[in-house]
Structure formats: structure tokens, C-alpha cells
Amino acid sequence: MNTGILNANTHAKIVLFGIPRPDLVDNGPVMRGFVEVKTEEGGHPVKVNVAAWLKIGRSSGTEYLSLKVGNNSQEDPEDYSVGPFYGRLFRQVEGSRTRYFGFIEESEKTGEDENGQGTYATHWQIRVNAKPSLSNDGKTRYIGGTVSPSQQQEENAEDSHLPF
């Protein structure tokens, strides 16, 4: 697993576009896009692919997007140069305002619970904040936003500098 591009301290942009209805496949993603990570000053940003599936929370019944983030090769889909990482994006509607929030994380499966659901250990997590947007030409709707270190990461980093 390559964690060089995406990690606990990543600051990036994210965009997700709806996949046109004729192009949707059964059990396939409903949106595609990328996380654009700025590299060192003057370098070209690196784009990491994102695919999103519409899911419904088992206990909450809430709809969300299940994210898979990573760059793999077409020759060998199991060979990733970045990732794979996973995440979730939730929709929050307040009046006429819609926002999206969620996370992308690196985790590993540690076992299964009594219901056969996977249990995971999270190594790091970055947060996603986004909103619906419209392209400059007014033709394409998409979800656009930012990826940044989670508050938990920031708090842990601050604690490490304290003498007590």
C-alpha cells in the first residue's frame, strides 16, 4: 500500500461527477472523480482517482456515498500506485443549503464481529468538506470541496509538542 501521496497531513481538493445514467452498471459506482494533491511548490498536482457507490447505513438508514480512493493499473487492477483507501461522504441539507462531509482513511481489516461484519483498525483519517457546484460553463453539476487533516490528527499533533 503506497501512502506517500495521501496521508494524515494531506491538504487537497476533491471533485466528484455523476456518472451518466446510460453508463451506470449494476453494483457499480454512481460518481467518479479525483482528489488533487498539490505537491511541492511549482510541481504538478497529483490526481488520485475516486469512485463512489450509493449506500444506506445499516443501523441509521441514512444514504451516503462509499468512497474508494486510489490509482491502480489497468493491466493489473490489484496493483495500486496510490491506495486503495476508503471513506464515506454524507449529505447534510439545511433549508435550501446542501453540504457534504465525510472522511478518507487508511485502515486494515482486523477480523469480523458476531454479525459477520468486518472490524477495522484505522491508521489515519483525513476529512472531506464539500458542496454542490456548477461548472463555469453552467452545464455540469458536481460535488467539489477540500480534503484536510482531521481535527483528531491536529489535536494529536498539538499534544505531542506539550511538555505535560
N, C-alpha and C. Protein backbone atom coordinates (compact mmCIF):
# COMPACT_ATOMS: atom_id res chain seq x y z
N MET A 1 0.85 -1.17 0.00
CA MET A 1 0.00 0.00 0.00
C MET A 1 0.89 1.23 0.00
N ASN A 2 0.68 2.14 -0.94
CA ASN A 2 1.50 3.33 -1.08
C ASN A 2 0.81 4.50 -0.39
N THR A 3 1.42 5.03 0.69
CA THR A 3 0.79 6.12 1.43
C THR A 3 1.50 7.44 1.24
N GLY A 4 2.42 7.52 0.27
CA GLY A 4 3.18 8.75 0.09
C GLY A 4 2.33 9.95 -0.28
N ILE A 5 1.41 9.82 -1.21
CA ILE A 5 0.62 10.94 -1.70
C ILE A 5 -0.49 11.31 -0.72
N LEU A 6 -1.25 10.33 -0.28
CA LEU A 6 -2.32 10.58 0.70
C LEU A 6 -1.86 10.08 2.06
N ASN A 7 -1.99 10.95 3.06
CA ASN A 7 -1.62 10.57 4.42
C ASN A 7 -2.36 11.47 5.40
N ALA A 8 -2.07 11.33 6.67
CA ALA A 8 -2.79 12.04 7.73
C ALA A 8 -2.68 13.56 7.62
N ASN A 9 -1.68 14.07 6.88
CA ASN A 9 -1.45 15.51 6.79
C ASN A 9 -1.81 16.10 5.43
N THR A 10 -2.52 15.34 4.60
CA THR A 10 -2.84 15.77 3.25
C THR A 10 -3.81 16.94 3.24
N HIS A 11 -3.48 17.95 2.42
CA HIS A 11 -4.39 19.04 2.07
C HIS A 11 -4.61 18.92 0.56
N ALA A 12 -5.86 18.86 0.12
CA ALA A 12 -6.12 18.64 -1.31
C ALA A 12 -7.52 19.15 -1.68
N LYS A 13 -7.82 19.06 -2.96
CA LYS A 13 -9.16 19.36 -3.47
C LYS A 13 -9.79 18.04 -3.90
N ILE A 14 -11.12 17.98 -3.81
CA ILE A 14 -11.83 16.79 -4.28
C ILE A 14 -12.97 17.22 -5.19
N VAL A 15 -13.18 16.48 -6.27
CA VAL A 15 -14.33 16.70 -7.14
C VAL A 15 -14.93 15.34 -7.49
N LEU A 16 -16.25 15.28 -7.51
CA LEU A 16 -16.98 14.07 -7.90
C LEU A 16 -18.05 14.45 -8.91
N PHE A 17 -18.11 13.71 -10.00
CA PHE A 17 -19.09 13.93 -11.05
C PHE A 17 -20.03 12.74 -11.11
N GLY A 18 -21.30 12.99 -11.34
CA GLY A 18 -22.26 11.91 -11.52
C GLY A 18 -21.96 11.16 -12.81
N ILE A 19 -22.09 9.86 -12.77
CA ILE A 19 -21.91 9.05 -13.97
C ILE A 19 -23.24 9.07 -14.72
N PRO A 20 -23.23 9.39 -16.02
CA PRO A 20 -24.50 9.45 -16.77
C PRO A 20 -25.26 8.13 -16.68
N ARG A 21 -26.59 8.23 -16.56
CA ARG A 21 -27.43 7.03 -16.39
C ARG A 21 -27.13 5.91 -17.38
N PRO A 22 -26.96 6.20 -18.68
CA PRO A 22 -26.69 5.09 -19.62
C PRO A 22 -25.37 4.37 -19.34
N ASP A 23 -24.44 5.05 -18.63
CA ASP A 23 -23.13 4.46 -18.36
C ASP A 23 -23.07 3.72 -17.03
N LEU A 24 -24.12 3.81 -16.21
CA LEU A 24 -24.13 3.12 -14.92
C LEU A 24 -24.21 1.61 -15.12
N VAL A 25 -23.52 0.87 -14.26
CA VAL A 25 -23.58 -0.59 -14.30
C VAL A 25 -24.10 -1.09 -12.95
N ASP A 26 -24.73 -2.27 -12.96
CA ASP A 26 -25.24 -2.85 -11.71
C ASP A 26 -24.13 -2.96 -10.68
N ASN A 27 -24.42 -2.54 -9.47
CA ASN A 27 -23.47 -2.58 -8.35
C ASN A 27 -22.21 -1.76 -8.59
N GLY A 28 -22.25 -0.89 -9.59
CA GLY A 28 -21.09 -0.05 -9.89
C GLY A 28 -21.21 1.31 -9.23
N PRO A 29 -20.18 2.13 -9.38
CA PRO A 29 -20.21 3.46 -8.77
C PRO A 29 -21.25 4.36 -9.45
N VAL A 30 -21.74 5.36 -8.68
CA VAL A 30 -22.70 6.34 -9.21
C VAL A 30 -22.00 7.66 -9.50
N MET A 31 -20.79 7.83 -8.93
CA MET A 31 -20.00 9.03 -9.18
C MET A 31 -18.53 8.64 -9.34
N ARG A 32 -17.81 9.50 -10.08
CA ARG A 32 -16.36 9.32 -10.25
C ARG A 32 -15.72 10.70 -10.16
N GLY A 33 -14.47 10.71 -9.79
CA GLY A 33 -13.76 11.98 -9.74
C GLY A 33 -12.34 11.75 -9.29
N PHE A 34 -11.80 12.75 -8.58
CA PHE A 34 -10.42 12.63 -8.13
C PHE A 34 -10.16 13.56 -6.95
N VAL A 35 -9.12 13.20 -6.23
CA VAL A 35 -8.54 14.06 -5.21
C VAL A 35 -7.29 14.63 -5.87
N GLU A 36 -7.16 15.97 -5.88
CA GLU A 36 -6.00 16.61 -6.48
C GLU A 36 -5.09 17.10 -5.36
N VAL A 37 -3.93 16.47 -5.24
CA VAL A 37 -2.98 16.77 -4.16
C VAL A 37 -1.87 17.64 -4.73
N LYS A 38 -1.71 18.82 -4.13
CA LYS A 38 -0.63 19.71 -4.53
C LYS A 38 0.68 19.15 -3.99
N THR A 39 1.67 19.01 -4.85
CA THR A 39 2.97 18.53 -4.40
C THR A 39 3.82 19.73 -4.04
N GLU A 40 5.11 19.58 -3.97
CA GLU A 40 5.98 20.69 -3.60
C GLU A 40 5.76 21.88 -4.53
N GLU A 41 6.15 23.06 -4.07
CA GLU A 41 5.95 24.30 -4.84
C GLU A 41 6.42 24.14 -6.28
N GLY A 42 5.58 24.55 -7.20
CA GLY A 42 5.95 24.52 -8.61
C GLY A 42 5.74 23.17 -9.28
N GLY A 43 5.51 22.12 -8.49
CA GLY A 43 5.29 20.80 -9.07
C GLY A 43 3.85 20.66 -9.56
N HIS A 44 3.62 19.72 -10.46
CA HIS A 44 2.27 19.45 -10.94
C HIS A 44 1.49 18.71 -9.86
N PRO A 45 0.20 19.07 -9.68
CA PRO A 45 -0.61 18.33 -8.70
C PRO A 45 -0.78 16.87 -9.14
N VAL A 46 -0.93 15.99 -8.17
CA VAL A 46 -1.14 14.58 -8.45
C VAL A 46 -2.63 14.28 -8.28
N LYS A 47 -3.21 13.62 -9.26
CA LYS A 47 -4.62 13.26 -9.19
C LYS A 47 -4.75 11.80 -8.78
N VAL A 48 -5.56 11.58 -7.73
CA VAL A 48 -5.83 10.23 -7.25
C VAL A 48 -7.30 9.96 -7.53
N ASN A 49 -7.59 8.87 -8.22
CA ASN A 49 -8.96 8.55 -8.62
C ASN A 49 -9.87 8.24 -7.43
N VAL A 50 -11.14 8.64 -7.57
CA VAL A 50 -12.16 8.36 -6.56
C VAL A 50 -13.37 7.78 -7.27
N ALA A 51 -13.92 6.70 -6.73
CA ALA A 51 -15.20 6.15 -7.21
C ALA A 51 -16.13 6.13 -5.99
N ALA A 52 -17.42 6.40 -6.23
CA ALA A 52 -18.37 6.49 -5.12
C ALA A 52 -19.62 5.67 -5.41
N TRP A 53 -19.98 4.82 -4.44
CA TRP A 53 -21.17 3.99 -4.53
C TRP A 53 -22.21 4.51 -3.55
N LEU A 54 -23.47 4.52 -3.95
CA LEU A 54 -24.55 4.94 -3.06
C LEU A 54 -24.89 3.79 -2.12
N LYS A 55 -24.84 4.05 -0.83
CA LYS A 55 -25.11 3.03 0.19
C LYS A 55 -26.13 3.56 1.18
N ILE A 56 -26.68 2.65 1.98
CA ILE A 56 -27.61 3.02 3.05
C ILE A 56 -27.08 2.43 4.34
N GLY A 57 -26.93 3.27 5.36
CA GLY A 57 -26.39 2.83 6.65
C GLY A 57 -27.26 1.73 7.23
N ARG A 58 -26.62 0.64 7.70
CA ARG A 58 -27.35 -0.50 8.25
C ARG A 58 -28.21 -0.10 9.44
N SER A 59 -27.64 0.64 10.38
CA SER A 59 -28.41 0.97 11.59
C SER A 59 -29.16 2.28 11.46
N SER A 60 -28.61 3.25 10.72
CA SER A 60 -29.23 4.58 10.65
C SER A 60 -30.25 4.70 9.52
N GLY A 61 -30.10 3.91 8.45
CA GLY A 61 -30.96 4.05 7.29
C GLY A 61 -30.61 5.28 6.46
N THR A 62 -29.51 5.96 6.78
CA THR A 62 -29.09 7.18 6.09
C THR A 62 -28.33 6.84 4.81
N GLU A 63 -28.66 7.55 3.73
CA GLU A 63 -27.92 7.37 2.48
C GLU A 63 -26.57 8.06 2.60
N TYR A 64 -25.54 7.44 2.03
CA TYR A 64 -24.22 8.06 1.97
C TYR A 64 -23.49 7.52 0.75
N LEU A 65 -22.38 8.16 0.41
CA LEU A 65 -21.53 7.67 -0.66
C LEU A 65 -20.35 6.94 -0.04
N SER A 66 -20.14 5.71 -0.45
CA SER A 66 -18.99 4.92 -0.02
C SER A 66 -17.88 5.18 -1.04
N LEU A 67 -16.74 5.68 -0.56
CA LEU A 67 -15.66 6.08 -1.45
C LEU A 67 -14.54 5.06 -1.51
N LYS A 68 -14.00 4.85 -2.70
CA LYS A 68 -12.77 4.08 -2.88
C LYS A 68 -11.80 5.02 -3.59
N VAL A 69 -10.65 5.22 -2.97
CA VAL A 69 -9.69 6.21 -3.45
C VAL A 69 -8.38 5.50 -3.76
N GLY A 70 -7.90 5.64 -5.00
CA GLY A 70 -6.63 5.00 -5.33
C GLY A 70 -6.36 5.02 -6.82
N ASN A 71 -5.11 4.85 -7.17
CA ASN A 71 -4.70 4.74 -8.57
C ASN A 71 -4.16 3.34 -8.78
N ASN A 72 -4.84 2.59 -9.64
CA ASN A 72 -4.36 1.25 -9.96
C ASN A 72 -4.12 1.15 -11.46
N SER A 73 -3.42 0.11 -11.87
CA SER A 73 -3.10 -0.05 -13.28
C SER A 73 -4.20 -0.86 -13.97
N GLN A 74 -4.45 -0.52 -15.24
CA GLN A 74 -5.47 -1.26 -15.99
C GLN A 74 -5.01 -2.69 -16.27
N GLU A 75 -3.70 -2.88 -16.41
CA GLU A 75 -3.18 -4.22 -16.68
C GLU A 75 -3.42 -5.14 -15.48
N ASP A 76 -3.23 -4.60 -14.27
CA ASP A 76 -3.41 -5.38 -13.05
C ASP A 76 -4.19 -4.54 -12.04
N PRO A 77 -5.54 -4.69 -12.04
CA PRO A 77 -6.38 -3.86 -11.18
C PRO A 77 -6.06 -3.97 -9.69
N GLU A 78 -5.34 -5.02 -9.28
CA GLU A 78 -4.99 -5.18 -7.86
C GLU A 78 -3.67 -4.47 -7.52
N ASP A 79 -2.99 -3.92 -8.53
CA ASP A 79 -1.71 -3.25 -8.33
C ASP A 79 -1.94 -1.74 -8.22
N TYR A 80 -1.83 -1.20 -7.00
CA TYR A 80 -2.09 0.22 -6.75
C TYR A 80 -0.79 0.99 -6.58
N SER A 81 -0.67 2.12 -7.29
CA SER A 81 0.46 3.02 -7.06
C SER A 81 0.11 3.98 -5.92
N VAL A 82 -1.17 4.23 -5.69
CA VAL A 82 -1.66 5.00 -4.55
C VAL A 82 -2.89 4.28 -4.01
N GLY A 83 -2.91 4.01 -2.71
CA GLY A 83 -4.08 3.38 -2.11
C GLY A 83 -4.04 1.87 -2.19
N PRO A 84 -5.21 1.23 -2.11
CA PRO A 84 -6.53 1.85 -2.03
C PRO A 84 -6.86 2.33 -0.60
N PHE A 85 -7.59 3.44 -0.54
CA PHE A 85 -8.10 3.98 0.70
C PHE A 85 -9.62 4.01 0.58
N TYR A 86 -10.30 4.11 1.70
CA TYR A 86 -11.75 4.08 1.68
C TYR A 86 -12.29 5.22 2.51
N GLY A 87 -13.53 5.59 2.25
CA GLY A 87 -14.13 6.67 3.01
C GLY A 87 -15.63 6.73 2.82
N ARG A 88 -16.21 7.74 3.42
CA ARG A 88 -17.65 7.97 3.31
C ARG A 88 -17.91 9.45 3.16
N LEU A 89 -18.97 9.76 2.44
CA LEU A 89 -19.40 11.15 2.26
C LEU A 89 -20.89 11.21 2.55
N PHE A 90 -21.27 12.06 3.50
CA PHE A 90 -22.66 12.20 3.92
C PHE A 90 -23.21 13.53 3.43
N ARG A 91 -24.52 13.55 3.14
CA ARG A 91 -25.18 14.78 2.68
C ARG A 91 -25.92 15.39 3.86
N GLN A 92 -25.78 16.70 4.04
CA GLN A 92 -26.48 17.43 5.08
C GLN A 92 -27.27 18.54 4.40
N VAL A 93 -28.59 18.52 4.58
CA VAL A 93 -29.46 19.54 3.98
C VAL A 93 -30.06 20.38 5.09
N GLU A 94 -29.84 21.69 5.00
CA GLU A 94 -30.43 22.64 5.95
C GLU A 94 -31.14 23.70 5.13
N GLY A 95 -32.48 23.62 5.09
CA GLY A 95 -33.24 24.56 4.26
C GLY A 95 -32.88 24.38 2.81
N SER A 96 -32.39 25.45 2.18
CA SER A 96 -32.03 25.37 0.76
C SER A 96 -30.54 25.09 0.57
N ARG A 97 -29.80 24.90 1.69
CA ARG A 97 -28.36 24.68 1.62
C ARG A 97 -28.01 23.21 1.77
N THR A 98 -27.19 22.71 0.86
CA THR A 98 -26.71 21.32 0.92
C THR A 98 -25.21 21.34 1.08
N ARG A 99 -24.71 20.54 2.02
CA ARG A 99 -23.27 20.37 2.22
C ARG A 99 -22.97 18.88 2.30
N TYR A 100 -21.73 18.55 2.04
CA TYR A 100 -21.28 17.17 2.15
C TYR A 100 -20.10 17.13 3.11
N PHE A 101 -20.05 16.12 3.94
CA PHE A 101 -18.92 15.96 4.85
C PHE A 101 -18.63 14.48 5.01
N GLY A 102 -17.39 14.18 5.32
CA GLY A 102 -17.02 12.78 5.50
C GLY A 102 -15.54 12.65 5.71
N PHE A 103 -15.01 11.50 5.27
CA PHE A 103 -13.61 11.20 5.53
C PHE A 103 -13.08 10.21 4.51
N ILE A 104 -11.75 10.18 4.44
CA ILE A 104 -11.00 9.16 3.71
C ILE A 104 -10.00 8.63 4.74
N GLU A 105 -9.82 7.31 4.77
CA GLU A 105 -8.93 6.75 5.79
C GLU A 105 -8.12 5.59 5.25
N GLU A 106 -7.02 5.34 5.95
CA GLU A 106 -6.26 4.11 5.73
C GLU A 106 -6.57 3.22 6.92
N SER A 107 -7.12 2.05 6.62
CA SER A 107 -7.43 1.12 7.69
C SER A 107 -7.16 -0.29 7.19
N GLU A 108 -7.10 -1.22 8.14
CA GLU A 108 -6.91 -2.61 7.76
C GLU A 108 -7.90 -3.48 8.51
N LYS A 109 -8.35 -4.51 7.83
CA LYS A 109 -9.32 -5.42 8.44
C LYS A 109 -8.62 -6.24 9.51
N THR A 110 -9.21 -6.25 10.71
CA THR A 110 -8.60 -6.98 11.82
C THR A 110 -9.40 -8.23 12.19
N GLY A 111 -10.61 -8.35 11.64
CA GLY A 111 -11.42 -9.52 11.96
C GLY A 111 -12.87 -9.27 11.58
N GLU A 112 -13.77 -10.03 12.21
CA GLU A 112 -15.20 -9.88 11.97
C GLU A 112 -15.93 -9.90 13.30
N ASP A 113 -17.05 -9.16 13.37
CA ASP A 113 -17.85 -9.18 14.59
C ASP A 113 -18.83 -10.35 14.55
N GLU A 114 -19.69 -10.45 15.58
CA GLU A 114 -20.61 -11.59 15.66
C GLU A 114 -21.61 -11.64 14.52
N ASN A 115 -21.81 -10.51 13.79
CA ASN A 115 -22.74 -10.49 12.66
C ASN A 115 -22.05 -10.74 11.33
N GLY A 116 -20.75 -11.03 11.39
CA GLY A 116 -20.02 -11.28 10.14
C GLY A 116 -19.56 -10.01 9.45
N GLN A 117 -19.76 -8.85 10.10
CA GLN A 117 -19.29 -7.58 9.54
C GLN A 117 -17.82 -7.40 9.88
N GLY A 118 -17.07 -6.79 8.98
CA GLY A 118 -15.65 -6.59 9.21
C GLY A 118 -15.38 -5.62 10.35
N THR A 119 -14.31 -5.89 11.09
CA THR A 119 -13.82 -4.93 12.07
C THR A 119 -12.48 -4.42 11.56
N TYR A 120 -12.22 -3.13 11.78
CA TYR A 120 -11.06 -2.49 11.17
C TYR A 120 -10.28 -1.67 12.19
N ALA A 121 -8.98 -1.55 11.97
CA ALA A 121 -8.13 -0.64 12.74
C ALA A 121 -7.78 0.50 11.80
N THR A 122 -8.04 1.73 12.23
CA THR A 122 -7.76 2.90 11.41
C THR A 122 -6.37 3.43 11.74
N HIS A 123 -5.55 3.62 10.68
CA HIS A 123 -4.19 4.14 10.87
C HIS A 123 -4.19 5.66 10.82
N TRP A 124 -4.95 6.24 9.89
CA TRP A 124 -5.11 7.69 9.82
C TRP A 124 -6.40 8.00 9.08
N GLN A 125 -6.85 9.24 9.26
CA GLN A 125 -8.09 9.67 8.63
C GLN A 125 -7.96 11.15 8.28
N ILE A 126 -8.44 11.51 7.09
CA ILE A 126 -8.49 12.92 6.69
C ILE A 126 -9.95 13.25 6.40
N ARG A 127 -10.32 14.51 6.64
CA ARG A 127 -11.73 14.88 6.49
C ARG A 127 -11.99 15.49 5.11
N VAL A 128 -13.25 15.35 4.69
CA VAL A 128 -13.71 15.88 3.42
C VAL A 128 -14.87 16.83 3.71
N ASN A 129 -14.79 18.06 3.19
CA ASN A 129 -15.88 19.03 3.27
C ASN A 129 -16.15 19.51 1.85
N ALA A 130 -17.41 19.42 1.42
CA ALA A 130 -17.71 19.76 0.02
C ALA A 130 -19.11 20.33 -0.09
N LYS A 131 -19.43 20.82 -1.30
CA LYS A 131 -20.77 21.33 -1.58
C LYS A 131 -21.08 21.12 -3.06
N PRO A 132 -22.38 21.14 -3.40
CA PRO A 132 -22.73 21.01 -4.81
C PRO A 132 -22.21 22.24 -5.57
N SER A 133 -21.72 22.03 -6.77
CA SER A 133 -21.18 23.13 -7.58
C SER A 133 -21.65 22.98 -9.02
N LEU A 134 -21.45 24.04 -9.78
CA LEU A 134 -21.82 24.06 -11.20
C LEU A 134 -20.60 24.54 -11.96
N SER A 135 -20.28 23.85 -13.05
CA SER A 135 -19.09 24.21 -13.84
C SER A 135 -19.22 25.64 -14.36
N ASN A 136 -18.09 26.22 -14.75
CA ASN A 136 -18.07 27.60 -15.23
C ASN A 136 -18.96 27.81 -16.45
N ASP A 137 -19.12 26.78 -17.29
CA ASP A 137 -19.98 26.92 -18.47
C ASP A 137 -21.45 26.67 -18.12
N GLY A 138 -21.73 26.36 -16.86
CA GLY A 138 -23.12 26.19 -16.42
C GLY A 138 -23.76 24.88 -16.86
N LYS A 139 -22.98 23.92 -17.35
CA LYS A 139 -23.55 22.68 -17.89
C LYS A 139 -23.37 21.46 -17.00
N THR A 140 -22.36 21.45 -16.14
CA THR A 140 -22.03 20.25 -15.39
C THR A 140 -22.16 20.49 -13.89
N ARG A 141 -23.00 19.68 -13.26
CA ARG A 141 -23.11 19.72 -11.80
C ARG A 141 -22.13 18.72 -11.21
N TYR A 142 -21.53 19.09 -10.10
CA TYR A 142 -20.58 18.19 -9.44
C TYR A 142 -20.51 18.53 -7.96
N ILE A 143 -19.84 17.68 -7.20
CA ILE A 143 -19.57 17.94 -5.80
C ILE A 143 -18.10 18.34 -5.72
N GLY A 144 -17.82 19.50 -5.13
CA GLY A 144 -16.45 19.97 -5.03
C GLY A 144 -16.13 20.43 -3.62
N GLY A 145 -14.90 20.22 -3.20
CA GLY A 145 -14.54 20.65 -1.85
C GLY A 145 -13.09 20.41 -1.53
N THR A 146 -12.83 20.31 -0.22
CA THR A 146 -11.46 20.19 0.26
C THR A 146 -11.26 18.93 1.09
N VAL A 147 -10.03 18.48 1.11
CA VAL A 147 -9.58 17.38 1.95
C VAL A 147 -8.52 17.97 2.86
N SER A 148 -8.62 17.70 4.16
CA SER A 148 -7.66 18.27 5.10
C SER A 148 -7.48 17.33 6.29
N PRO A 149 -6.40 17.53 7.06
CA PRO A 149 -6.21 16.67 8.23
C PRO A 149 -7.41 16.76 9.17
N SER A 150 -7.76 15.64 9.78
CA SER A 150 -8.91 15.65 10.70
C SER A 150 -8.53 16.39 11.97
N GLN A 151 -9.51 16.90 12.70
CA GLN A 151 -9.24 17.61 13.95
C GLN A 151 -8.52 16.69 14.92
N GLN A 152 -8.89 15.42 14.93
CA GLN A 152 -8.25 14.46 15.82
C GLN A 152 -6.75 14.42 15.55
N GLN A 153 -6.37 14.39 14.26
CA GLN A 153 -4.95 14.37 13.90
C GLN A 153 -4.28 15.64 14.40
N GLU A 154 -4.95 16.81 14.17
CA GLU A 154 -4.38 18.09 14.58
C GLU A 154 -4.20 18.13 16.09
N GLU A 155 -5.20 17.64 16.82
CA GLU A 155 -5.12 17.64 18.28
C GLU A 155 -3.97 16.75 18.74
N ASN A 156 -3.83 15.59 18.13
CA ASN A 156 -2.74 14.68 18.49
C ASN A 156 -1.39 15.33 18.20
N ALA A 157 -1.29 16.05 17.10
CA ALA A 157 -0.04 16.72 16.74
C ALA A 157 0.28 17.80 17.75
N GLU A 158 -0.74 18.57 18.19
CA GLU A 158 -0.52 19.61 19.18
C GLU A 158 -0.07 19.00 20.49
N ASP A 159 -0.70 17.90 20.90
CA ASP A 159 -0.35 17.26 22.17
C ASP A 159 1.12 16.83 22.18
N SER A 160 1.64 16.44 21.04
CA SER A 160 3.00 15.92 21.01
C SER A 160 4.02 17.02 21.28
N HIS A 161 3.63 18.30 21.19
CA HIS A 161 4.55 19.40 21.43
C HIS A 161 4.45 19.93 22.85
N LEU A 162 3.55 19.40 23.65
CA LEU A 162 3.37 19.89 25.01
C LEU A 162 4.26 19.11 25.97
N PRO A 163 4.85 19.83 26.94
CA PRO A 163 5.73 19.14 27.87
C PRO A 163 4.97 18.31 28.90
N PHE A 164 3.68 18.56 29.05
CA PHE A 164 2.90 17.86 30.07
C PHE A 164 1.68 17.20 29.47
